[in-house]
Each structure stands twice: as C-alpha cells, then as structure tokens.
Protein backbone atom coordinates (compact mmCIF):
# COMPACT_ATOMS: atom_id res chain seq x y z
CA MET A 1 -7.29 11.56 11.49
CA ARG A 2 -6.40 8.62 14.12
CA GLU A 3 -9.44 9.48 15.82
CA ALA A 4 -11.85 9.11 13.01
CA LEU A 5 -10.26 5.88 12.04
CA ALA A 6 -10.84 4.68 15.81
CA GLU A 7 -14.39 5.77 15.70
CA ARG A 8 -14.91 3.29 12.73
CA GLY A 9 -13.31 0.41 14.36
CA ILE A 10 -10.14 0.54 12.30
CA LYS A 11 -6.84 -0.13 13.83
CA SER A 12 -4.42 2.69 12.64
CA CYS A 13 -0.60 2.21 12.16
CA ILE A 14 0.42 5.70 11.50
CA PRO A 15 3.73 6.70 13.24
CA GLY A 16 4.25 9.98 14.80
CA ARG A 17 7.16 12.49 13.92
CA ALA A 18 10.37 11.72 15.47
CA LYS A 19 10.42 14.70 17.55
CA ARG A 20 6.88 14.54 18.69
CA LYS A 21 6.78 15.61 22.58
CA GLU A 22 4.46 12.70 23.29
CA PRO A 23 5.25 9.54 20.99
CA ILE A 24 2.43 7.91 19.51
CA ILE A 25 2.09 4.27 20.23
CA TYR A 26 1.78 2.04 17.06
CA ASP A 27 2.22 -1.80 15.98
CA THR A 28 5.69 -1.80 14.21
CA GLU A 29 4.99 -5.17 12.99
CA LEU A 30 2.10 -4.09 11.11
CA TYR A 31 3.45 -1.02 10.07
CA LYS A 32 6.22 -3.15 8.11
CA SER A 33 3.42 -5.14 6.45
CA ARG A 34 1.69 -2.12 5.49
CA ASN A 35 5.08 -0.72 4.05
CA LEU A 36 5.67 -3.68 1.97
CA ILE A 37 2.00 -3.24 0.34
CA GLU A 38 2.68 0.35 -0.37
CA ARG A 39 5.92 -0.39 -2.07
CA LEU A 40 4.10 -3.00 -4.08
CA PHE A 41 1.64 -0.55 -5.46
CA GLY A 42 4.54 1.85 -6.02
CA ARG A 43 6.11 -0.54 -8.21
CA LEU A 44 2.99 -1.41 -10.25
CA LYS A 45 2.30 2.11 -10.81
CA ASP A 46 5.67 2.09 -13.04
CA TRP A 47 3.71 0.23 -15.56
CA ARG A 48 1.85 2.78 -17.39
CA ARG A 49 -0.80 0.13 -18.48
CA ILE A 50 -1.68 -0.81 -14.92
CA ALA A 51 -1.59 2.71 -13.68
CA THR A 52 -3.92 4.10 -16.35
CA ARG A 53 -6.00 0.70 -16.57
CA TYR A 54 -6.03 0.62 -20.38
CA ASP A 55 -7.71 -2.74 -20.36
CA ARG A 56 -11.38 -3.01 -20.40
CA CYS A 57 -11.91 -6.48 -19.33
CA ALA A 58 -11.35 -7.06 -15.60
CA HIS A 59 -9.73 -10.67 -16.39
CA THR A 60 -7.33 -9.16 -18.74
CA PHE A 61 -6.41 -6.00 -16.08
CA PHE A 62 -6.05 -8.84 -13.44
CA SER A 63 -3.36 -10.76 -15.70
CA ALA A 64 -1.63 -7.65 -16.44
CA ILE A 65 -1.32 -7.04 -12.88
CA CYS A 66 0.03 -10.52 -12.30
CA ILE A 67 2.55 -10.20 -15.18
CA ALA A 68 3.68 -6.88 -13.85
CA ALA A 69 4.04 -8.08 -10.19
CA THR A 70 5.84 -11.17 -11.27
CA VAL A 71 8.43 -9.21 -13.34
CA SER A 72 8.80 -6.68 -10.81
CA PHE A 73 9.82 -9.06 -8.05
CA TRP A 74 11.51 -11.31 -10.22
CA LEU A 75 14.12 -8.51 -11.40
C-alpha cells in the first residue's frame, strides 16, 4: 500500500507494527494531525443524520455537520 501511494506522489504516514524487524520511518507530527481528523469523523458518525445523510440539499447537510461538530467539541 505504501508503494502504491508513493507511485501516485502521495506521502503516506502509516506507522508499522511495534514488533516489526525493520521499523518503518514516518512523520509523527503528520500522523498526529491525521489522527485528529479521523477522530472528528468518528464523532460525526455518531450522529445518525450525518452518517446516513438524510438531508437532500447540500447547504442543509453542511449546516447539520457544523451543528454536530460544534456540539461534539463543546461537550
């Protein structure tokens, strides 16, 4: 997978397993940023309306995402 990403010119930040014989070098700061984004999407998917996209209009769907993100991080 790392090779396929490199062929496309994409910088991967996939860490290797802890017990790997040859450790994989990756950017830890970039991985921390990626983790924040993944947790954001995980929290947004807790809202059923967001996960299944009940809204038909794009602006209504975007406003629902904004409300869900605000409530998730406010609590």
